[in-house]
Amino acid sequence: MLHFNLAKHLSFLRKLALSESVNLMRTPDFTRMSNLEYLYLAGCVSLEEVDNSLGYCGKLIRLDLGWCSSLKRFPCVKLESLEYLDLTG
């Protein structure tokens, strides 16, 4: 569980870069990240699942999942603001 002081600031987060996190198997819960615009997960070779709460990121512009070769589950979400999606590799 996130420390309360950190959790209350997640709503201000605009960019999250977790690229090359080779041991990351599942993304974090995005419920409190409603202003997230850029999510970088490229090269997370162990990533198997993107959390269903990605749908809370209604302002997401860029999603980079390139070279996430173990990805098995991606939520069905409506991301109207999305301009760039990378699924290479």
Protein backbone atom coordinates (compact mmCIF):
# COMPACT_ATOMS: atom_id res chain seq x y z
CA MET A 1 0.00 0.00 0.00
CA LEU A 2 1.30 3.46 -0.85
CA HIS A 3 2.14 5.86 1.90
CA PHE A 4 -0.71 8.38 2.22
CA ASN A 5 1.47 11.42 1.43
CA LEU A 6 2.65 9.84 -1.82
CA ALA A 7 -0.79 8.58 -2.82
CA LYS A 8 -2.40 12.02 -2.60
CA HIS A 9 0.17 13.43 -5.06
CA LEU A 10 -0.35 10.78 -7.75
CA SER A 11 -3.18 12.81 -9.24
CA PHE A 12 -0.59 15.42 -10.26
CA LEU A 13 1.63 12.91 -12.06
CA ARG A 14 1.84 13.58 -15.82
CA LYS A 15 4.70 11.29 -16.85
CA LEU A 16 5.66 7.83 -15.63
CA ALA A 17 8.81 6.19 -17.02
CA LEU A 18 9.31 2.56 -16.08
CA SER A 19 11.16 1.54 -19.26
CA GLU A 20 13.75 -1.21 -18.95
CA SER A 21 12.31 -2.38 -15.62
CA VAL A 22 13.21 -5.96 -16.48
CA ASN A 23 11.62 -7.47 -13.35
CA LEU A 24 8.28 -5.62 -13.67
CA MET A 25 5.56 -8.22 -14.26
CA ARG A 26 2.47 -6.04 -13.78
CA THR A 27 1.94 -2.32 -14.00
CA PRO A 28 0.93 -0.33 -10.94
CA ASP A 29 -2.64 0.64 -10.16
CA PHE A 30 -3.44 3.78 -12.16
CA THR A 31 -6.63 4.67 -10.30
CA ARG A 32 -5.17 7.83 -8.72
CA MET A 33 -3.22 8.87 -11.85
CA SER A 34 -6.04 10.62 -13.70
CA ASN A 35 -3.74 13.27 -15.20
CA LEU A 36 -1.15 10.84 -16.58
CA GLU A 37 -0.24 11.81 -20.16
CA TYR A 38 2.88 9.76 -20.90
CA LEU A 39 3.50 6.15 -19.90
CA TYR A 40 6.79 4.57 -20.90
CA LEU A 41 7.10 0.82 -20.43
CA ALA A 42 9.40 -0.04 -23.35
CA GLY A 43 11.79 -2.88 -22.72
CA CYS A 44 9.94 -4.29 -19.72
CA VAL A 45 10.62 -7.80 -20.97
CA SER A 46 8.92 -9.54 -18.01
CA LEU A 47 5.75 -7.42 -18.17
CA GLU A 48 2.77 -9.76 -18.50
CA GLU A 49 -0.18 -7.57 -17.57
CA VAL A 50 -1.27 -3.96 -17.81
CA ASP A 51 -3.61 -3.18 -14.91
CA ASN A 52 -7.30 -2.67 -15.71
CA SER A 53 -7.16 0.72 -14.01
CA LEU A 54 -5.39 2.14 -17.09
CA GLY A 55 -8.86 3.29 -18.09
CA TYR A 56 -8.64 5.97 -15.39
CA CYS A 57 -5.90 7.67 -17.42
CA GLY A 58 -8.29 9.61 -19.63
CA LYS A 59 -5.62 12.14 -20.61
CA LEU A 60 -3.05 9.59 -21.79
CA ILE A 61 -1.37 10.80 -24.98
CA ARG A 62 1.54 8.39 -25.37
CA LEU A 63 1.80 4.72 -24.40
CA ASP A 64 5.05 2.94 -25.17
CA LEU A 65 4.94 -0.85 -24.81
CA GLY A 66 7.68 -1.59 -27.33
CA TRP A 67 9.68 -4.75 -26.69
CA CYS A 68 7.39 -5.97 -23.93
CA SER A 69 7.71 -9.48 -25.28
CA SER A 70 5.94 -11.24 -22.38
CA LEU A 71 2.77 -9.10 -22.50
CA LYS A 72 -0.30 -11.34 -22.29
CA ARG A 73 -3.08 -9.17 -20.85
CA PHE A 74 -4.10 -5.67 -21.84
CA PRO A 75 -7.35 -4.17 -20.57
CA CYS A 76 -10.19 -3.15 -22.83
CA VAL A 77 -10.12 0.60 -22.28
CA LYS A 78 -11.30 3.70 -24.11
CA LEU A 79 -8.37 6.11 -24.39
CA GLU A 80 -9.77 8.93 -26.53
CA SER A 81 -6.76 11.22 -26.06
CA LEU A 82 -4.19 8.60 -27.12
CA GLU A 83 -2.08 9.85 -30.03
CA TYR A 84 0.82 7.37 -29.97
CA LEU A 85 0.93 3.66 -29.20
CA ASP A 86 4.09 1.59 -29.64
CA LEU A 87 3.75 -2.20 -29.70
CA THR A 88 6.91 -3.01 -31.67
CA GLY A 89 8.91 -6.12 -30.92
